Amino acid sequence: MTVNMKAIAAAFDLRGNMISAEPYGSGHINDTYKVVIDQGGLSVNYILQRVNQNVFPNVEKLMENIQRVTAHLGKKIIERGGNPTRETLTLIPTKEGKTFYRDAEGGCWRAYIFIYGARTYDFVSDTKQAFEAASAFGNFQKQLADLPGGPVFESIPNFHNTPKRFENFLNSLKADKLNRAASAKKEIDFCLARQDKIGAVVKGLADGSIPTRVTHNDTKINNVLLDDTTGAGICVIDLDTVMPGSVLYDFGDEVRTTTATAAEDERDLSKVNFRLDLFEALVKGYLQATEGMLVPAERNYLAESGALITFEIGLRFLTDYLDGDIYFKVHRDGHNLDRCRTQFEMTRQMDEQLDKMQAIVNG
């Protein structure tokens, strides 16, 4: 489907005419574009994004979440003398004053201020980047600890409910509607062997020993902007999955995406390795940022959270493969199965080094 980006841009209060638009970023879910707007002879960048309504059907509540969160973060940043247009996402309203625009085909679009002089990384190159990313996510959680107005909307129910994800996997395996299970036997067996290890966080949330907090729920390393000059983690992005949840899932996903030596879809598993030095940097950055916030049960489970969430994400890739690749964008045959295999290899290596990881958390 051809997109008329000029018409989309014209719906927002961008104070000028569009010069160009091009796809931007490496996200799996939404369609993201960097647009250049002529503002009095100056070329100014903005982000335009079409929300995937198959994943996020309630766009009104989703955008209410984002508006609440960014407004609260902006207030906190101003209070400490920071720059809110650089340190948190800033929504640009439509010309009618709304948070999103619905086009003639029913597509829902939003616009953000473009943050200059910073970038995302699909994997880190050194311990400083790991430290800064963990610090940014930790600060994000801590600043939202007093978000007013009651619980945020659960945009994807049971998003990080690992037992529920496992139930979905079993249903997809039983159906095997595309006869793909035979090509993933090793991965399926790996899942079945871990069934008894996946419920600790959900159980803790249910009995109250692990607090329910406002969490990001998709803390991939490429969801934080690092400053081009200083390397500091300045802004957490991709707020669609901000929901009630556990910080353990957030920290675990940082471990998953930061400590790997290869891309998420690397086919050669000999290149996939878990780096303990990057894990240590994550722990230091995260614990420094969240000082005084974590309860003992949260801190005690930090080391194990990496393997838990890495397994869960691998499980989701495997389930989507069995279902016919209907959730994650794929770019080749077997793409989701490749992604699954890297996650399970990382899970296996984290299991092997759990004692060392726990010693780092314990200090």
Foldseek 3Di string as FASTA:
>chain_A
DDDPVQVQVLQFPPQFGWDDKDFDDDDFFKTKIWIWGQHPNDTFIKIKIWGRCVQQVPVVLLLVLLVLLLVLVLVVQVVVPHDSLAQEWDWTATPVRHQWDQDPVRIIMTMTHDHPQWAFDQEDDDLLLLLQLLLSQLLSQVSQQCRDDDFRDQRHPPLPQLLVLVVLLVVLVVPLVVVCCVVCVVLVVLSVVCNVPAHPQVVCCVVVVFDWGFHQLQSARRQFIAGNPPRHGRYGHDRSRGGTDGVLLNLLNSQLRHQWQDGLLDQPLVRTDGHVSNLLSSLVSNCVNNPPPGDPVSLQCNLVSNLNNLQSQLSVLSSCLSVPVPGTDDDDPCRSVSSSVSSSSHSVNSVVCSVVSSVSSVD
